[in-house]
Amino acid sequence: MRRILTTALAVLAVAGAAAAPAGAAEPAPLQWGACPSPQEAALQCAKVPVPLDYRNPDGPRIEIGISRLASKNPAKRRGVLLINPGGPGLPGTPIPALLPYPQELRDSYDLIGIDPRGVGQSAPVTCNLTPEEGAVAANPPYPHSSADVAKQAEVAKTIANQCHGSKTAATLPFMTTANTARDMDRIRAALGEKKASYYGTSYGTYLGAVYTTLFPDTTDRVVLDSSLPPEGYTVDALRDQALGFQIRFPDFAGLAAANPAKYQLGSTPAQVTAKYFDLAARLDKTPVQGYDGTAFRAVTAGYIRTESTLGMLAELWHNLDTNQPTGDPEGTGAPYSDNFPAAYLAVACGDSRWPTSVRTYQRNVAADRLRYPMYGAFTANIRPCAFWPAPAEPKVRITGRGPANVLIVQNLRDPATPLPGALRMRAALGGRAEMVTIDQGGHTAYLEGPNKCGNDTVTDYLVTGDRTAHGAFCPAEPA
């Protein structure tokens, strides 16, 4: 079960200090070489030194790992496109080789993957978490009562204390979104570029908004795909996932109900919805094939994020309902690393001040169970951020000051970063941003779904600079 939860979690967190000091030397040329991972065989990799603390630029330094898929068409090359896959806590160096970027985009840019500070090849952090602890670090068990919240508070406090007692504890205050944005401008300079374009998804939208807010003059074309609100990954943004679940779930229910003979989950969306509550309650009492109610809810939330996994989810439900083997692998055999949950906590907890009262979380759980009965209690439960030290610096305020160079693309039925947060990000950026909504479900729009209008909107903007070629709304298209 711990691997199931870990997998679900993985699918599922002062402007003046930003600039280099006056008179700073030009960055040394990057030393490109082979990348450390087999999945990055098509890429070149390098390290960029940056200050651990930008308030002390001459103090300790760390190295940021980056990768490059270089344009092979000098006549069409525009510059570099920095890419962030979200998280927080996810490595970005493999990304240029993993996604099917259109050829015109690959001609226009060197695609640059980045392991954000604290992640992967970039001064990775640890909390000394076991696989069990790592699985619940950001996805605690589903709470059925205030007593469950109080019990989880003790677990969350233990995890927070472990993080701040680990060998990387001294670096935790500096693993913030603002510092990652500052790293990105150092990377731009190290690449020898006057400006850098950016594409980020999910948490990467907040990172992109902070980046272009701190560095409006050196950011070129910026795409925010599936946007967080302008405050970033906060307790409220996490609770919004319950709204997203409720909005997205009918897409899955419709698919399952359209194939009652195959999935045997009901012949109407209402029956499939009732099956969700039935299975969750049954698995809370008696786990099946390694799934308890918590794992069932977490995996459902993960699988409804993409169109390609909706059918897989229906098959999984059927197997759990009939107590048949789920076919889930028991792991890849790779050694366990807690870097993802540790980095997730470092950023999510280090960026924002989370409520510290257990009673606040108990009230949130009770309220969200009523507001969003499918998933609300899950996302409202207490996390280690409640026991984290206060952020080391004020949060960057997203504003409309700067060039009109931001495009926000947003699915109408996004389960992880639902539409209201994206609308608030659009409002915060003011005249800097255009927004295109897509009549589609799932988390992340570009290249993840069948909507040609949405995909072309992003590609055309990054290649030509036209943000409105396809209008402000993309209607639904057949899968």
Protein backbone atom coordinates (compact mmCIF):
# COMPACT_ATOMS: atom_id res chain seq x y z
CA MET A 1 0.00 0.00 0.00
CA ARG A 2 2.83 2.40 0.73
CA ARG A 3 3.98 2.20 -2.88
CA ILE A 4 0.42 2.90 -4.04
CA LEU A 5 0.29 6.00 -1.87
CA THR A 6 3.75 7.12 -2.95
CA THR A 7 2.72 6.76 -6.59
CA ALA A 8 -0.46 8.72 -5.97
CA LEU A 9 1.50 11.47 -4.26
CA ALA A 10 3.90 11.69 -7.19
CA VAL A 11 0.97 12.12 -9.59
CA LEU A 12 -0.58 14.57 -7.14
CA ALA A 13 3.01 22.02 -3.22
CA VAL A 14 12.84 40.59 -1.42
CA ALA A 15 12.90 41.38 -5.12
CA GLY A 16 16.05 43.46 -4.64
CA ALA A 17 17.97 40.39 -3.57
CA ALA A 18 17.24 38.75 -6.91
CA ALA A 19 19.76 40.54 -9.05
CA ALA A 20 23.47 39.82 -9.02
CA PRO A 21 25.46 42.39 -7.04
CA ALA A 22 26.87 45.32 -8.97
CA GLY A 23 30.15 44.50 -10.60
CA ALA A 24 29.60 40.73 -10.41
CA ALA A 25 31.79 38.76 -12.79
CA GLU A 26 30.34 37.16 -15.91
CA PRO A 27 29.37 33.52 -15.30
CA ALA A 28 31.91 30.94 -16.39
CA PRO A 29 31.05 28.96 -19.54
CA LEU A 30 28.93 25.90 -18.80
CA GLN A 31 30.60 22.51 -19.01
CA TRP A 32 28.11 20.32 -20.86
CA GLY A 33 28.40 16.55 -20.58
CA ALA A 34 26.43 13.32 -20.41
CA CYS A 35 23.43 13.23 -18.08
CA PRO A 36 23.44 10.83 -15.11
CA SER A 37 20.15 9.07 -15.91
CA PRO A 38 19.52 6.65 -18.81
CA GLN A 39 16.22 8.40 -19.55
CA GLU A 40 18.23 11.55 -20.27
CA ALA A 41 20.48 9.92 -22.88
CA ALA A 42 19.31 12.32 -25.60
CA LEU A 43 20.21 15.36 -23.49
CA GLN A 44 23.28 17.25 -22.36
CA CYS A 45 23.64 18.15 -18.68
CA ALA A 46 25.54 20.80 -16.74
CA LYS A 47 25.71 22.42 -13.29
CA VAL A 48 25.18 26.11 -12.51
CA PRO A 49 26.59 27.46 -9.20
CA VAL A 50 24.27 29.79 -7.27
CA PRO A 51 24.24 31.29 -3.77
CA LEU A 52 22.45 29.23 -1.15
CA ASP A 53 21.20 32.50 0.36
CA TYR A 54 20.78 35.39 -2.07
CA ARG A 55 20.94 37.84 0.83
CA ASN A 56 24.53 36.66 1.22
CA PRO A 57 25.71 36.26 -2.39
CA ASP A 58 29.33 35.69 -1.38
CA GLY A 59 28.42 32.96 1.12
CA PRO A 60 27.93 29.22 0.64
CA ARG A 61 26.99 28.06 -2.84
CA ILE A 62 25.07 25.14 -4.25
CA GLU A 63 24.91 23.73 -7.77
CA ILE A 64 21.74 23.52 -9.86
CA GLY A 65 21.51 20.63 -12.31
CA ILE A 66 20.16 21.48 -15.76
CA SER A 67 19.66 19.61 -19.03
CA ARG A 68 19.44 20.76 -22.63
CA LEU A 69 17.78 19.51 -25.78
CA ALA A 70 19.36 21.89 -28.25
CA SER A 71 17.60 23.27 -31.31
CA LYS A 72 19.00 21.80 -34.50
CA ASN A 73 17.73 24.63 -36.68
CA PRO A 74 19.88 27.76 -36.14
CA ALA A 75 17.84 29.76 -38.64
CA LYS A 76 14.67 29.32 -36.57
CA ARG A 77 16.17 29.29 -33.08
CA ARG A 78 14.71 32.05 -30.89
CA GLY A 79 16.40 31.30 -27.57
CA VAL A 80 15.89 29.04 -24.55
CA LEU A 81 12.72 27.69 -22.98
CA LEU A 82 13.00 26.86 -19.28
CA ILE A 83 10.57 24.10 -18.23
CA ASN A 84 9.14 23.15 -14.84
CA PRO A 85 6.86 20.08 -14.42
CA GLY A 86 5.26 21.15 -11.12
CA GLY A 87 5.25 19.45 -7.76
CA PRO A 88 6.81 21.10 -5.88
CA GLY A 89 9.60 18.57 -5.53
CA LEU A 90 9.63 17.03 -9.00
CA PRO A 91 12.87 16.85 -11.02
CA GLY A 92 12.85 18.70 -14.32
CA THR A 93 16.03 17.52 -16.03
CA PRO A 94 14.39 14.49 -17.73
CA ILE A 95 11.44 16.52 -19.08
CA PRO A 96 12.84 17.79 -22.42
CA ALA A 97 13.33 14.17 -23.53
CA LEU A 98 10.04 12.80 -22.19
CA LEU A 99 7.26 14.92 -23.69
CA PRO A 100 6.27 15.05 -27.40
CA TYR A 101 7.06 18.71 -28.03
CA PRO A 102 6.13 19.80 -31.58
CA GLN A 103 9.00 20.14 -34.02
CA GLU A 104 8.41 23.86 -34.53
CA LEU A 105 8.88 24.36 -30.78
CA ARG A 106 12.06 22.27 -30.77
CA ASP A 107 13.35 24.30 -33.69
CA SER A 108 12.61 27.58 -31.92
CA TYR A 109 14.20 26.83 -28.57
CA ASP A 110 16.83 24.96 -26.69
CA LEU A 111 14.59 23.13 -24.21
CA ILE A 112 16.08 23.47 -20.72
CA GLY A 113 15.09 21.11 -17.92
CA ILE A 114 15.94 22.14 -14.37
CA ASP A 115 16.09 20.23 -11.11
CA PRO A 116 14.92 22.99 -8.75
CA ARG A 117 17.07 23.60 -5.69
CA GLY A 118 16.57 20.80 -3.17
CA VAL A 119 15.61 18.30 -5.87
CA GLY A 120 17.51 15.59 -7.75
CA GLN A 121 20.88 16.90 -8.91
CA SER A 122 20.44 20.27 -7.16
CA ALA A 123 21.52 20.03 -3.51
CA PRO A 124 18.82 17.44 -2.70
CA VAL A 125 17.17 17.65 0.70
CA THR A 126 16.12 14.76 2.93
CA CYS A 127 13.92 14.31 5.97
CA ASN A 128 15.16 10.77 6.73
CA LEU A 129 11.68 9.47 5.96
CA THR A 130 10.81 5.80 5.69
CA PRO A 131 8.60 4.82 2.74
CA GLU A 132 5.61 4.81 5.08
CA GLU A 133 6.42 8.28 6.39
CA GLY A 134 7.11 9.57 2.91
CA ALA A 135 3.71 8.33 1.72
CA VAL A 136 1.83 10.29 4.40
CA ALA A 137 4.07 13.37 4.46
CA ALA A 138 1.78 15.27 2.09
CA ASN A 139 -1.13 12.81 1.79
CA PRO A 140 -2.16 11.96 5.36
CA PRO A 141 -4.80 9.29 6.00
CA TYR A 142 -8.43 10.14 5.34
CA PRO A 143 -9.86 11.58 8.60
CA HIS A 144 -13.25 10.37 9.78
CA SER A 145 -13.30 12.40 13.00
CA SER A 146 -11.60 15.15 14.98
CA ALA A 147 -9.75 12.40 16.83
CA ASP A 148 -8.22 11.26 13.52
CA VAL A 149 -6.99 14.79 12.89
CA ALA A 150 -5.45 14.98 16.37
CA LYS A 151 -3.75 11.63 15.82
CA GLN A 152 -2.37 12.76 12.47
CA ALA A 153 -1.09 15.96 14.08
CA GLU A 154 1.37 13.89 16.12
CA VAL A 155 2.60 12.16 12.95
CA ALA A 156 2.91 15.50 11.13
CA LYS A 157 4.86 17.01 14.01
CA THR A 158 7.26 14.06 14.06
CA ILE A 159 7.89 14.41 10.32
CA ALA A 160 8.50 18.16 10.62
CA ASN A 161 10.97 17.56 13.45
CA GLN A 162 12.77 14.89 11.39
CA CYS A 163 13.13 17.31 8.50
CA HIS A 164 14.72 19.89 10.76
CA GLY A 165 17.00 17.31 12.34
CA SER A 166 18.31 15.88 9.08
CA LYS A 167 21.72 16.45 7.53
CA THR A 168 20.19 18.99 5.11
CA ALA A 169 18.23 20.91 7.76
CA ALA A 170 20.44 24.02 7.45
CA THR A 171 19.44 24.43 3.79
CA LEU A 172 15.67 24.12 4.29
CA PRO A 173 14.95 27.85 4.85
CA PHE A 174 16.42 28.61 1.42
CA MET A 175 14.44 26.02 -0.59
CA THR A 176 11.77 28.50 -1.62
CA THR A 177 9.99 29.43 -4.81
CA ALA A 178 11.55 32.90 -4.80
CA ASN A 179 15.06 31.47 -4.58
CA THR A 180 14.30 28.96 -7.32
CA ALA A 181 13.17 31.88 -9.51
CA ARG A 182 16.45 33.65 -8.75
CA ASP A 183 18.30 30.49 -9.72
CA MET A 184 16.47 30.51 -13.05
CA ASP A 185 17.73 33.99 -13.88
CA ARG A 186 21.26 32.84 -13.02
CA ILE A 187 20.73 29.91 -15.38
CA ARG A 188 19.58 32.30 -18.12
CA ALA A 189 22.76 34.33 -17.66
CA ALA A 190 24.93 31.20 -17.61
CA LEU A 191 23.36 30.15 -20.92
CA GLY A 192 24.44 33.48 -22.39
CA GLU A 193 20.88 34.64 -23.10
CA LYS A 194 19.53 38.18 -22.61
CA LYS A 195 16.04 36.74 -22.04
CA ALA A 196 14.51 33.33 -21.35
CA SER A 197 11.07 31.98 -22.13
CA TYR A 198 9.28 29.73 -19.67
CA TYR A 199 6.68 26.95 -19.60
CA GLY A 200 5.42 25.62 -16.26
CA THR A 201 2.57 23.41 -15.15
CA SER A 202 0.69 23.16 -11.84
CA TYR A 203 3.01 24.42 -9.08
CA GLY A 204 5.27 25.52 -11.93
CA THR A 205 2.69 28.22 -12.75
CA TYR A 206 3.29 29.90 -9.41
CA LEU A 207 7.03 29.54 -9.92
CA GLY A 208 6.65 31.15 -13.36
CA ALA A 209 4.57 34.00 -11.97
CA VAL A 210 7.19 34.69 -9.29
CA TYR A 211 9.98 34.42 -11.87
CA THR A 212 8.49 36.95 -14.25
CA THR A 213 7.50 39.22 -11.35
CA LEU A 214 11.07 39.33 -10.01
CA PHE A 215 12.63 39.50 -13.49
CA PRO A 216 10.19 41.23 -15.85
CA ASP A 217 12.98 42.53 -18.09
CA THR A 218 14.71 39.18 -18.67
CA THR A 219 11.67 36.95 -19.14
CA ASP A 220 10.46 36.56 -22.71
CA ARG A 221 7.34 34.45 -23.42
CA VAL A 222 5.77 32.88 -20.33
CA VAL A 223 3.15 30.10 -20.33
CA LEU A 224 1.34 29.10 -17.14
CA ASP A 225 -0.52 25.82 -17.68
CA SER A 226 -3.11 24.81 -15.02
CA SER A 227 -2.56 27.65 -12.64
CA LEU A 228 -2.37 27.93 -8.90
CA PRO A 229 -3.74 31.12 -7.35
CA PRO A 230 -1.33 34.06 -6.96
CA GLU A 231 -0.53 33.10 -3.35
CA GLY A 232 0.94 29.80 -4.50
CA TYR A 233 0.72 26.45 -2.73
CA THR A 234 -1.09 27.31 0.50
CA VAL A 235 -3.54 25.55 2.81
CA ASP A 236 -6.38 27.09 0.79
CA ALA A 237 -4.94 25.97 -2.56
CA LEU A 238 -4.67 22.45 -1.19
CA ARG A 239 -8.28 22.53 0.02
CA ASP A 240 -9.35 23.73 -3.45
CA GLN A 241 -8.43 20.27 -4.78
CA ALA A 242 -11.63 19.00 -3.18
CA LEU A 243 -13.61 21.38 -5.39
CA GLY A 244 -11.56 20.23 -8.37
CA PHE A 245 -12.33 16.58 -7.60
CA GLN A 246 -16.10 17.28 -7.51
CA ILE A 247 -15.93 19.19 -10.82
CA ARG A 248 -13.85 16.57 -12.63
CA PHE A 249 -15.44 13.37 -11.31
CA PRO A 250 -18.53 13.49 -13.62
CA ASP A 251 -16.21 12.99 -16.61
CA PHE A 252 -15.06 9.70 -15.14
CA ALA A 253 -18.56 8.71 -14.04
CA GLY A 254 -19.83 9.30 -17.57
CA LEU A 255 -17.11 7.12 -19.09
CA ALA A 256 -17.72 4.27 -16.65
CA ALA A 257 -21.51 4.48 -17.04
CA ALA A 258 -21.20 4.37 -20.83
CA ASN A 259 -19.58 0.92 -20.53
CA PRO A 260 -21.65 -0.89 -17.86
CA ALA A 261 -21.01 -4.37 -19.25
CA LYS A 262 -17.24 -3.83 -19.21
CA TYR A 263 -16.78 -2.06 -15.89
CA GLN A 264 -19.92 -3.13 -13.97
CA LEU A 265 -19.90 0.07 -11.90
CA GLY A 266 -23.39 1.24 -12.85
CA SER A 267 -25.28 2.30 -15.94
CA THR A 268 -25.73 5.95 -14.95
CA PRO A 269 -23.31 8.56 -13.60
CA ALA A 270 -25.35 8.66 -10.38
CA GLN A 271 -24.80 4.93 -9.88
CA VAL A 272 -21.05 5.29 -10.49
CA THR A 273 -20.94 8.14 -7.96
CA ALA A 274 -22.76 5.97 -5.42
CA LYS A 275 -20.21 3.22 -6.10
CA TYR A 276 -17.43 5.64 -5.11
CA PHE A 277 -18.93 6.16 -1.66
CA ASP A 278 -19.69 2.46 -1.32
CA LEU A 279 -16.18 1.35 -2.21
CA ALA A 280 -14.54 4.00 -0.03
CA ALA A 281 -16.61 2.94 2.99
CA ARG A 282 -15.96 -0.77 2.39
CA LEU A 283 -12.23 -0.28 1.97
CA ASP A 284 -12.08 1.88 5.10
CA LYS A 285 -13.28 -1.20 7.00
CA THR A 286 -11.60 -3.99 5.04
CA PRO A 287 -8.72 -3.32 2.62
CA VAL A 288 -8.66 -5.24 -0.67
CA GLN A 289 -5.55 -6.05 -2.74
CA GLY A 290 -3.51 -3.64 -0.61
CA TYR A 291 -5.96 -0.74 -0.94
CA ASP A 292 -7.64 0.83 2.05
CA GLY A 293 -10.02 3.79 1.81
CA THR A 294 -7.18 6.30 1.87
CA ALA A 295 -5.32 4.64 -0.99
CA PHE A 296 -8.57 4.30 -2.98
CA ARG A 297 -9.36 8.00 -2.67
CA ALA A 298 -5.77 9.06 -3.42
CA VAL A 299 -5.43 6.86 -6.51
CA THR A 300 -8.83 7.97 -7.80
CA ALA A 301 -7.74 11.59 -7.44
CA GLY A 302 -4.51 10.80 -9.27
CA TYR A 303 -6.06 8.85 -12.13
CA ILE A 304 -8.76 11.42 -12.95
CA ARG A 305 -5.99 13.91 -13.70
CA THR A 306 -5.44 12.57 -17.21
CA GLU A 307 -7.75 11.33 -19.94
CA SER A 308 -5.55 8.33 -20.67
CA THR A 309 -6.01 6.83 -17.19
CA LEU A 310 -9.79 7.10 -16.83
CA GLY A 311 -10.35 3.64 -18.30
CA MET A 312 -7.58 2.20 -16.15
CA LEU A 313 -9.28 3.67 -13.09
CA ALA A 314 -12.61 2.08 -14.02
CA GLU A 315 -10.88 -1.31 -14.36
CA LEU A 316 -9.18 -0.82 -11.01
CA TRP A 317 -12.50 -0.01 -9.35
CA HIS A 318 -14.06 -3.13 -10.86
CA ASN A 319 -11.22 -5.30 -9.55
CA LEU A 320 -11.49 -3.80 -6.08
CA ASP A 321 -15.26 -4.17 -6.12
CA THR A 322 -14.97 -7.86 -6.99
CA ASN A 323 -11.77 -8.56 -5.04
CA GLN A 324 -9.73 -9.46 -8.12
CA PRO A 325 -6.00 -8.78 -8.55
CA THR A 326 -5.42 -5.14 -9.42
CA GLY A 327 -2.30 -5.79 -11.45
CA ASP A 328 -0.43 -2.97 -9.72
CA PRO A 329 3.32 -3.59 -9.61
CA GLU A 330 5.02 -3.89 -6.26
CA GLY A 331 7.72 -1.43 -7.26
CA THR A 332 10.60 -1.10 -9.68
CA GLY A 333 13.29 -2.41 -7.37
CA ALA A 334 14.97 1.01 -7.22
CA PRO A 335 16.13 2.04 -3.75
CA TYR A 336 13.73 4.30 -1.90
CA SER A 337 14.52 8.02 -1.69
CA ASP A 338 12.57 10.54 0.33
CA ASN A 339 13.78 13.44 -1.80
CA PHE A 340 10.36 14.09 -3.36
CA PRO A 341 8.34 14.35 -0.13
CA ALA A 342 11.19 16.22 1.58
CA ALA A 343 11.49 18.77 -1.23
CA TYR A 344 7.70 19.06 -1.45
CA LEU A 345 7.54 19.97 2.23
CA ALA A 346 10.53 22.30 2.03
CA VAL A 347 8.83 24.45 -0.61
CA ALA A 348 5.18 24.16 0.41
CA CYS A 349 5.92 24.80 4.07
CA GLY A 350 8.75 27.26 3.50
CA ASP A 351 6.82 29.53 1.13
CA SER A 352 3.74 30.12 3.27
CA ARG A 353 2.66 30.34 6.88
CA TRP A 354 0.21 27.51 7.48
CA PRO A 355 -2.31 27.42 10.35
CA THR A 356 -0.67 26.10 13.52
CA SER A 357 -3.74 25.15 15.55
CA VAL A 358 -4.91 21.55 15.39
CA ARG A 359 -8.41 22.82 16.09
CA THR A 360 -8.30 24.85 12.84
CA TYR A 361 -7.70 21.69 10.83
CA GLN A 362 -10.44 19.86 12.72
CA ARG A 363 -12.88 22.62 11.77
CA ASN A 364 -11.64 22.61 8.16
CA VAL A 365 -12.11 18.85 7.92
CA ALA A 366 -15.65 19.06 9.29
CA ALA A 367 -16.57 21.94 6.96
CA ASP A 368 -15.05 20.44 3.81
CA ARG A 369 -16.59 17.04 4.44
CA LEU A 370 -19.95 18.78 4.07
CA ARG A 371 -18.94 21.11 1.20
CA TYR A 372 -17.13 18.48 -0.85
CA PRO A 373 -18.15 15.04 0.44
CA MET A 374 -16.12 13.09 -2.10
CA TYR A 375 -12.67 14.44 -1.19
CA GLY A 376 -12.94 17.44 1.10
CA ALA A 377 -11.91 15.84 4.39
CA PHE A 378 -8.82 14.38 2.70
CA THR A 379 -7.34 17.67 1.49
CA ALA A 380 -8.26 19.55 4.69
CA ASN A 381 -6.32 17.25 7.03
CA ILE A 382 -3.28 18.51 8.93
CA ARG A 383 0.21 18.32 7.42
CA PRO A 384 3.79 18.88 8.66
CA CYS A 385 3.57 22.50 7.48
CA ALA A 386 1.58 23.22 10.65
CA PHE A 387 4.79 22.63 12.65
CA TRP A 388 7.24 24.33 10.27
CA PRO A 389 9.20 27.47 11.17
CA ALA A 390 7.90 30.72 9.71
CA PRO A 391 9.07 31.55 6.16
CA ALA A 392 12.50 33.14 5.96
CA GLU A 393 11.35 36.04 3.76
CA PRO A 394 8.10 37.74 2.74
CA LYS A 395 6.18 36.16 -0.10
CA VAL A 396 6.58 37.72 -3.55
CA ARG A 397 3.45 39.65 -4.48
CA ILE A 398 2.28 38.90 -8.01
CA THR A 399 1.30 42.11 -9.83
CA GLY A 400 0.62 43.44 -13.29
CA ARG A 401 3.86 45.41 -13.46
CA GLY A 402 5.89 44.30 -16.46
CA PRO A 403 5.48 43.46 -20.16
CA ALA A 404 2.37 41.79 -21.55
CA ASN A 405 4.05 38.43 -22.07
CA VAL A 406 2.08 35.85 -20.04
CA LEU A 407 -0.35 33.25 -21.39
CA ILE A 408 -2.47 31.23 -18.96
CA VAL A 409 -4.10 28.05 -20.31
CA GLN A 410 -6.65 26.29 -18.14
CA ASN A 411 -8.95 23.30 -18.45
CA LEU A 412 -12.46 24.00 -17.20
CA ARG A 413 -12.52 20.78 -15.17
CA ASP A 414 -9.05 20.63 -13.67
CA PRO A 415 -9.12 18.48 -10.50
CA ALA A 416 -5.84 19.70 -8.98
CA THR A 417 -5.73 23.42 -9.79
CA PRO A 418 -9.38 24.28 -10.43
CA LEU A 419 -10.50 27.26 -12.49
CA PRO A 420 -11.18 29.79 -9.68
CA GLY A 421 -7.49 29.86 -8.71
CA ALA A 422 -6.44 30.45 -12.30
CA LEU A 423 -8.93 33.31 -12.61
CA ARG A 424 -7.38 34.94 -9.56
CA MET A 425 -3.90 34.51 -11.02
CA ARG A 426 -5.15 36.16 -14.21
CA ALA A 427 -6.55 39.06 -12.17
CA ALA A 428 -3.32 39.49 -10.21
CA LEU A 429 -1.23 39.66 -13.41
CA GLY A 430 -3.62 42.24 -14.87
CA GLY A 431 -2.64 43.52 -18.29
CA ARG A 432 0.41 41.25 -18.42
CA ALA A 433 -1.68 38.14 -19.05
CA GLU A 434 -4.11 36.65 -21.52
CA MET A 435 -6.09 33.57 -20.50
CA VAL A 436 -7.46 30.75 -22.65
CA THR A 437 -9.92 28.30 -21.13
CA ILE A 438 -10.44 24.84 -22.62
CA ASP A 439 -13.60 22.75 -22.41
CA GLN A 440 -11.67 19.73 -21.22
CA GLY A 441 -11.06 17.81 -18.02
CA GLY A 442 -7.77 16.80 -16.48
CA HIS A 443 -4.76 18.45 -14.94
CA THR A 444 -2.44 20.24 -17.38
CA ALA A 445 -3.72 21.17 -20.79
CA TYR A 446 -0.79 21.29 -23.20
CA LEU A 447 0.00 17.98 -24.92
CA GLU A 448 -1.96 16.06 -22.26
CA GLY A 449 -5.35 16.05 -23.92
CA PRO A 450 -7.00 15.77 -27.34
CA ASN A 451 -7.82 19.47 -27.70
CA LYS A 452 -6.01 20.72 -30.81
CA CYS A 453 -7.11 24.30 -30.21
CA GLY A 454 -5.53 24.30 -26.75
CA ASN A 455 -2.32 22.64 -27.93
CA ASP A 456 -1.99 25.00 -30.91
CA THR A 457 -2.59 28.02 -28.68
CA VAL A 458 0.49 27.25 -26.57
CA THR A 459 2.71 26.25 -29.48
CA ASP A 460 1.75 29.28 -31.56
CA TYR A 461 2.41 31.70 -28.71
CA LEU A 462 5.82 30.29 -27.91
CA VAL A 463 6.82 30.14 -31.58
CA THR A 464 5.18 33.30 -33.00
CA GLY A 465 4.29 35.42 -29.98
CA ASP A 466 0.55 35.48 -30.85
CA ARG A 467 -1.49 34.76 -27.72
CA THR A 468 -4.93 35.23 -29.30
CA ALA A 469 -4.74 33.40 -32.63
CA HIS A 470 -7.29 30.83 -31.44
CA GLY A 471 -9.43 33.06 -29.23
CA ALA A 472 -10.01 33.02 -25.49
CA PHE A 473 -11.99 29.76 -25.39
CA CYS A 474 -11.35 26.34 -26.92
CA PRO A 475 -14.51 24.21 -27.27
CA ALA A 476 -14.54 20.49 -26.49
CA GLU A 477 -13.09 18.16 -29.08
CA PRO A 478 -13.56 14.37 -29.38
CA ALA A 479 -11.03 12.21 -27.54
